[in-house]
Amino acid sequence: MTQENELPIDPADPEYELKVAEWFQSVTDGPKPGDDEPVRITVRQAQKIAAIMGAVSRGHEGYVNALRDASWFLDCVVAEGIPGERVPTSMSVAEAWQRVETYPWPRPGKPREQQI
């Protein structure tokens, strides 16, 4: 018998990662105060993050670190945007965005080695 929130999945299961993700969602997903509050990012910020995400999904491995920085930026935006709370982060939204801005805009399409 498993305890509540204990991971009841065998690591040898070939679908382990998917099952872990589904389990994690089942124990963490649900409405939280402030979920429907808007956060403030610019159109440019949203476009650049979308471009970075698209590049990584198309195989541009050089943008993996950019994606991590973009994710951290969004975490900072959320932390600073929670009404009535200040969740501490290791850097401000402005500092986190500056890290994302250092990356060039990804070009469209697949990486050159995948276009053959």
N, C-alpha and C. Protein backbone atom coordinates (compact mmCIF):
# COMPACT_ATOMS: atom_id res chain seq x y z
N MET A 1 0.85 -1.18 0.00
CA MET A 1 0.00 0.00 0.00
C MET A 1 0.89 1.24 0.00
N THR A 2 0.54 2.22 -0.84
CA THR A 2 1.35 3.42 -0.93
C THR A 2 0.75 4.53 -0.09
N GLN A 3 1.64 5.38 0.41
CA GLN A 3 1.18 6.54 1.17
C GLN A 3 0.70 7.60 0.18
N GLU A 4 -0.14 8.51 0.67
CA GLU A 4 -0.63 9.60 -0.17
C GLU A 4 0.56 10.36 -0.74
N ASN A 5 0.49 10.69 -2.03
CA ASN A 5 1.51 11.42 -2.77
C ASN A 5 2.79 10.63 -3.02
N GLU A 6 2.83 9.34 -2.63
CA GLU A 6 3.99 8.52 -2.92
C GLU A 6 3.92 8.09 -4.38
N LEU A 7 5.05 8.06 -5.05
CA LEU A 7 5.10 7.71 -6.46
C LEU A 7 4.91 6.21 -6.64
N PRO A 8 3.75 5.76 -7.13
CA PRO A 8 3.45 4.33 -7.26
C PRO A 8 3.80 3.78 -8.65
N ILE A 9 4.95 4.19 -9.21
CA ILE A 9 5.30 3.80 -10.57
C ILE A 9 6.65 3.11 -10.57
N ASP A 10 6.73 1.99 -11.28
CA ASP A 10 7.97 1.23 -11.39
C ASP A 10 8.91 1.93 -12.36
N PRO A 11 10.13 2.29 -11.95
CA PRO A 11 11.08 2.95 -12.85
C PRO A 11 11.42 2.11 -14.09
N ALA A 12 11.18 0.82 -14.05
CA ALA A 12 11.45 -0.04 -15.21
C ALA A 12 10.33 0.04 -16.25
N ASP A 13 9.22 0.64 -15.91
CA ASP A 13 8.10 0.78 -16.83
C ASP A 13 8.55 1.61 -18.03
N PRO A 14 8.32 1.14 -19.27
CA PRO A 14 8.77 1.90 -20.44
C PRO A 14 8.07 3.27 -20.57
N GLU A 15 6.94 3.45 -19.94
CA GLU A 15 6.25 4.74 -19.98
C GLU A 15 6.44 5.51 -18.67
N TYR A 16 7.54 5.22 -18.00
CA TYR A 16 7.81 5.82 -16.69
C TYR A 16 7.71 7.34 -16.70
N GLU A 17 8.41 8.01 -17.62
CA GLU A 17 8.43 9.48 -17.63
C GLU A 17 7.03 10.06 -17.80
N LEU A 18 6.25 9.51 -18.72
CA LEU A 18 4.89 9.99 -18.92
C LEU A 18 4.04 9.75 -17.68
N LYS A 19 4.16 8.60 -17.08
CA LYS A 19 3.38 8.29 -15.88
C LYS A 19 3.79 9.18 -14.71
N VAL A 20 5.09 9.48 -14.59
CA VAL A 20 5.54 10.39 -13.54
C VAL A 20 4.93 11.78 -13.76
N ALA A 21 4.92 12.24 -15.01
CA ALA A 21 4.32 13.54 -15.31
C ALA A 21 2.84 13.56 -14.96
N GLU A 22 2.13 12.49 -15.32
CA GLU A 22 0.70 12.41 -14.99
C GLU A 22 0.48 12.37 -13.47
N TRP A 23 1.31 11.61 -12.77
CA TRP A 23 1.22 11.53 -11.31
C TRP A 23 1.49 12.91 -10.70
N PHE A 24 2.56 13.58 -11.17
CA PHE A 24 2.92 14.89 -10.64
C PHE A 24 1.77 15.87 -10.83
N GLN A 25 1.16 15.84 -12.00
CA GLN A 25 0.02 16.73 -12.24
C GLN A 25 -1.13 16.41 -11.29
N SER A 26 -1.37 15.14 -11.03
CA SER A 26 -2.50 14.77 -10.16
C SER A 26 -2.31 15.26 -8.73
N VAL A 27 -1.06 15.37 -8.27
CA VAL A 27 -0.84 15.81 -6.89
C VAL A 27 -0.56 17.31 -6.78
N THR A 28 -0.32 17.98 -7.90
CA THR A 28 -0.01 19.42 -7.82
C THR A 28 -1.03 20.30 -8.51
N ASP A 29 -1.78 19.75 -9.45
CA ASP A 29 -2.70 20.57 -10.24
C ASP A 29 -3.96 20.86 -9.45
N GLY A 30 -4.43 22.02 -9.63
CA GLY A 30 -5.67 22.43 -8.97
C GLY A 30 -5.65 23.93 -8.79
N PRO A 31 -6.79 24.52 -8.60
CA PRO A 31 -6.84 25.98 -8.49
C PRO A 31 -6.10 26.48 -7.25
N LYS A 32 -5.42 27.60 -7.46
CA LYS A 32 -4.69 28.26 -6.38
C LYS A 32 -5.07 29.73 -6.39
N PRO A 33 -5.00 30.39 -5.25
CA PRO A 33 -5.32 31.82 -5.24
C PRO A 33 -4.40 32.58 -6.21
N GLY A 34 -4.98 33.44 -7.00
CA GLY A 34 -4.21 34.25 -7.93
C GLY A 34 -4.01 33.62 -9.29
N ASP A 35 -4.48 32.40 -9.50
CA ASP A 35 -4.28 31.73 -10.79
C ASP A 35 -4.83 32.52 -11.97
N ASP A 36 -5.89 33.25 -11.77
CA ASP A 36 -6.53 33.96 -12.87
C ASP A 36 -6.08 35.42 -12.98
N GLU A 37 -5.09 35.79 -12.18
CA GLU A 37 -4.57 37.16 -12.25
C GLU A 37 -3.64 37.28 -13.45
N PRO A 38 -3.76 38.35 -14.21
CA PRO A 38 -2.83 38.51 -15.33
C PRO A 38 -1.43 38.90 -14.83
N VAL A 39 -0.42 38.56 -15.61
CA VAL A 39 0.94 39.00 -15.33
C VAL A 39 1.36 39.90 -16.48
N ARG A 40 2.35 40.72 -16.22
CA ARG A 40 2.75 41.70 -17.23
C ARG A 40 4.06 41.30 -17.91
N ILE A 41 3.94 40.98 -19.18
CA ILE A 41 5.11 40.87 -20.03
C ILE A 41 4.77 41.61 -21.32
N THR A 42 5.78 42.06 -22.01
CA THR A 42 5.55 42.79 -23.24
C THR A 42 5.30 41.84 -24.40
N VAL A 43 4.76 42.38 -25.47
CA VAL A 43 4.57 41.58 -26.68
C VAL A 43 5.92 41.07 -27.17
N ARG A 44 6.93 41.93 -27.14
CA ARG A 44 8.27 41.52 -27.57
C ARG A 44 8.79 40.36 -26.73
N GLN A 45 8.58 40.43 -25.42
CA GLN A 45 9.03 39.35 -24.55
C GLN A 45 8.31 38.05 -24.90
N ALA A 46 7.01 38.12 -25.09
CA ALA A 46 6.24 36.92 -25.44
C ALA A 46 6.69 36.36 -26.79
N GLN A 47 6.95 37.25 -27.75
CA GLN A 47 7.39 36.80 -29.07
C GLN A 47 8.75 36.12 -29.01
N LYS A 48 9.67 36.71 -28.25
CA LYS A 48 11.02 36.13 -28.19
C LYS A 48 10.99 34.79 -27.47
N ILE A 49 10.23 34.69 -26.39
CA ILE A 49 10.12 33.41 -25.69
C ILE A 49 9.49 32.36 -26.59
N ALA A 50 8.45 32.74 -27.34
CA ALA A 50 7.83 31.81 -28.28
C ALA A 50 8.82 31.38 -29.35
N ALA A 51 9.65 32.31 -29.84
CA ALA A 51 10.65 31.97 -30.86
C ALA A 51 11.69 31.00 -30.29
N ILE A 52 12.11 31.23 -29.06
CA ILE A 52 13.08 30.34 -28.42
C ILE A 52 12.47 28.95 -28.21
N MET A 53 11.24 28.91 -27.73
CA MET A 53 10.58 27.62 -27.54
C MET A 53 10.45 26.87 -28.86
N GLY A 54 10.05 27.59 -29.91
CA GLY A 54 9.92 26.97 -31.22
C GLY A 54 11.25 26.44 -31.73
N ALA A 55 12.31 27.22 -31.54
CA ALA A 55 13.63 26.80 -31.99
C ALA A 55 14.05 25.50 -31.32
N VAL A 56 13.87 25.43 -30.01
CA VAL A 56 14.25 24.21 -29.29
C VAL A 56 13.40 23.03 -29.75
N SER A 57 12.11 23.27 -29.96
CA SER A 57 11.24 22.17 -30.39
C SER A 57 11.58 21.69 -31.80
N ARG A 58 12.21 22.55 -32.61
CA ARG A 58 12.63 22.15 -33.96
C ARG A 58 14.04 21.56 -33.98
N GLY A 59 14.71 21.51 -32.81
CA GLY A 59 16.01 20.87 -32.73
C GLY A 59 17.20 21.80 -32.64
N HIS A 60 16.98 23.09 -32.47
CA HIS A 60 18.10 24.03 -32.32
C HIS A 60 18.66 23.89 -30.91
N GLU A 61 19.57 22.98 -30.72
CA GLU A 61 20.11 22.68 -29.40
C GLU A 61 20.85 23.86 -28.78
N GLY A 62 21.31 24.77 -29.60
CA GLY A 62 22.01 25.95 -29.09
C GLY A 62 21.12 26.88 -28.30
N TYR A 63 19.82 26.66 -28.34
CA TYR A 63 18.89 27.51 -27.60
C TYR A 63 18.34 26.87 -26.33
N VAL A 64 18.88 25.72 -25.95
CA VAL A 64 18.41 25.05 -24.73
C VAL A 64 18.65 25.94 -23.51
N ASN A 65 19.83 26.55 -23.41
CA ASN A 65 20.08 27.45 -22.28
C ASN A 65 19.20 28.68 -22.34
N ALA A 66 18.92 29.17 -23.54
CA ALA A 66 18.01 30.31 -23.69
C ALA A 66 16.62 29.94 -23.18
N LEU A 67 16.21 28.72 -23.46
CA LEU A 67 14.90 28.25 -22.98
C LEU A 67 14.87 28.18 -21.46
N ARG A 68 15.96 27.71 -20.87
CA ARG A 68 16.04 27.68 -19.40
C ARG A 68 15.95 29.09 -18.82
N ASP A 69 16.66 30.03 -19.45
CA ASP A 69 16.62 31.42 -18.98
C ASP A 69 15.24 32.03 -19.18
N ALA A 70 14.59 31.71 -20.29
CA ALA A 70 13.24 32.22 -20.54
C ALA A 70 12.26 31.65 -19.52
N SER A 71 12.43 30.39 -19.18
CA SER A 71 11.58 29.77 -18.17
C SER A 71 11.78 30.46 -16.82
N TRP A 72 13.03 30.73 -16.48
CA TRP A 72 13.32 31.42 -15.22
C TRP A 72 12.72 32.82 -15.22
N PHE A 73 12.82 33.52 -16.37
CA PHE A 73 12.20 34.84 -16.49
C PHE A 73 10.70 34.75 -16.16
N LEU A 74 10.01 33.78 -16.75
CA LEU A 74 8.57 33.64 -16.49
C LEU A 74 8.30 33.30 -15.03
N ASP A 75 9.15 32.48 -14.43
CA ASP A 75 9.01 32.19 -13.00
C ASP A 75 9.13 33.48 -12.18
N CYS A 76 10.08 34.34 -12.54
CA CYS A 76 10.25 35.62 -11.84
C CYS A 76 9.05 36.53 -12.04
N VAL A 77 8.52 36.56 -13.26
CA VAL A 77 7.33 37.37 -13.55
C VAL A 77 6.18 36.94 -12.66
N VAL A 78 5.98 35.64 -12.56
CA VAL A 78 4.89 35.12 -11.72
C VAL A 78 5.16 35.45 -10.25
N ALA A 79 6.39 35.25 -9.80
CA ALA A 79 6.72 35.51 -8.40
C ALA A 79 6.49 36.97 -8.04
N GLU A 80 6.83 37.89 -8.93
CA GLU A 80 6.63 39.31 -8.65
C GLU A 80 5.18 39.73 -8.87
N GLY A 81 4.42 38.92 -9.59
CA GLY A 81 3.06 39.30 -9.93
C GLY A 81 1.97 38.79 -9.01
N ILE A 82 2.34 38.03 -7.99
CA ILE A 82 1.33 37.50 -7.07
C ILE A 82 0.83 38.64 -6.20
N PRO A 83 -0.45 38.95 -6.29
CA PRO A 83 -0.98 40.08 -5.52
C PRO A 83 -0.79 39.90 -4.02
N GLY A 84 -0.28 40.94 -3.38
CA GLY A 84 -0.15 40.94 -1.93
C GLY A 84 1.01 40.11 -1.39
N GLU A 85 1.79 39.51 -2.26
CA GLU A 85 2.91 38.68 -1.82
C GLU A 85 4.16 39.08 -2.56
N ARG A 86 5.27 38.82 -1.96
CA ARG A 86 6.56 38.97 -2.64
C ARG A 86 7.30 37.66 -2.43
N VAL A 87 7.31 36.84 -3.46
CA VAL A 87 8.00 35.57 -3.41
C VAL A 87 9.46 35.83 -3.78
N PRO A 88 10.39 35.50 -2.90
CA PRO A 88 11.80 35.79 -3.21
C PRO A 88 12.32 34.96 -4.38
N THR A 89 13.07 35.62 -5.24
CA THR A 89 13.75 34.94 -6.34
C THR A 89 15.21 35.41 -6.32
N SER A 90 16.06 34.68 -7.01
CA SER A 90 17.48 35.02 -6.99
C SER A 90 17.82 36.23 -7.85
N MET A 91 16.86 36.66 -8.68
CA MET A 91 17.07 37.86 -9.48
C MET A 91 15.73 38.49 -9.79
N SER A 92 15.77 39.74 -10.17
CA SER A 92 14.54 40.47 -10.50
C SER A 92 14.07 40.08 -11.90
N VAL A 93 12.86 40.48 -12.22
CA VAL A 93 12.33 40.26 -13.56
C VAL A 93 13.24 40.93 -14.59
N ALA A 94 13.66 42.16 -14.30
CA ALA A 94 14.52 42.90 -15.24
C ALA A 94 15.84 42.16 -15.46
N GLU A 95 16.43 41.65 -14.40
CA GLU A 95 17.69 40.91 -14.53
C GLU A 95 17.48 39.61 -15.32
N ALA A 96 16.38 38.94 -15.05
CA ALA A 96 16.10 37.70 -15.76
C ALA A 96 15.87 37.97 -17.24
N TRP A 97 15.16 39.05 -17.54
CA TRP A 97 14.92 39.38 -18.95
C TRP A 97 16.23 39.74 -19.64
N GLN A 98 17.11 40.42 -18.96
CA GLN A 98 18.39 40.80 -19.55
C GLN A 98 19.16 39.56 -20.00
N ARG A 99 19.05 38.49 -19.24
CA ARG A 99 19.71 37.23 -19.63
C ARG A 99 19.10 36.69 -20.92
N VAL A 100 17.77 36.74 -21.03
CA VAL A 100 17.11 36.25 -22.25
C VAL A 100 17.50 37.13 -23.45
N GLU A 101 17.58 38.42 -23.22
CA GLU A 101 17.89 39.36 -24.30
C GLU A 101 19.29 39.16 -24.88
N THR A 102 20.18 38.53 -24.14
CA THR A 102 21.53 38.33 -24.67
C THR A 102 21.56 37.32 -25.81
N TYR A 103 20.54 36.49 -25.92
CA TYR A 103 20.50 35.50 -27.00
C TYR A 103 19.96 36.15 -28.27
N PRO A 104 20.55 35.81 -29.43
CA PRO A 104 20.00 36.33 -30.67
C PRO A 104 18.65 35.68 -30.96
N TRP A 105 17.83 36.36 -31.74
CA TRP A 105 16.55 35.78 -32.13
C TRP A 105 16.83 34.53 -32.96
N PRO A 106 16.16 33.44 -32.66
CA PRO A 106 16.37 32.22 -33.45
C PRO A 106 15.83 32.42 -34.88
N ARG A 107 16.51 31.82 -35.81
CA ARG A 107 15.99 31.87 -37.17
C ARG A 107 14.90 30.81 -37.32
N PRO A 108 14.00 31.01 -38.26
CA PRO A 108 12.95 30.01 -38.46
C PRO A 108 13.51 28.74 -39.10
N GLY A 109 12.75 27.69 -39.03
CA GLY A 109 13.13 26.44 -39.67
C GLY A 109 13.96 25.54 -38.78
N LYS A 110 14.33 24.42 -39.37
CA LYS A 110 15.12 23.42 -38.65
C LYS A 110 16.60 23.79 -38.70
N PRO A 111 17.38 23.21 -37.79
CA PRO A 111 18.83 23.43 -37.88
C PRO A 111 19.37 22.93 -39.22
N ARG A 112 20.43 23.54 -39.66
CA ARG A 112 21.01 23.21 -40.96
C ARG A 112 21.24 21.71 -41.15
N GLU A 113 21.79 21.03 -40.13
CA GLU A 113 22.10 19.60 -40.27
C GLU A 113 20.85 18.74 -40.42
N GLN A 114 19.68 19.27 -40.07
CA GLN A 114 18.44 18.50 -40.21
C GLN A 114 17.72 18.82 -41.51
N GLN A 115 18.22 19.73 -42.31
CA GLN A 115 17.53 20.13 -43.53
C GLN A 115 17.90 19.28 -44.73
N ILE A 116 18.79 18.36 -44.57
CA ILE A 116 19.25 17.51 -45.67
C ILE A 116 18.22 16.45 -45.99
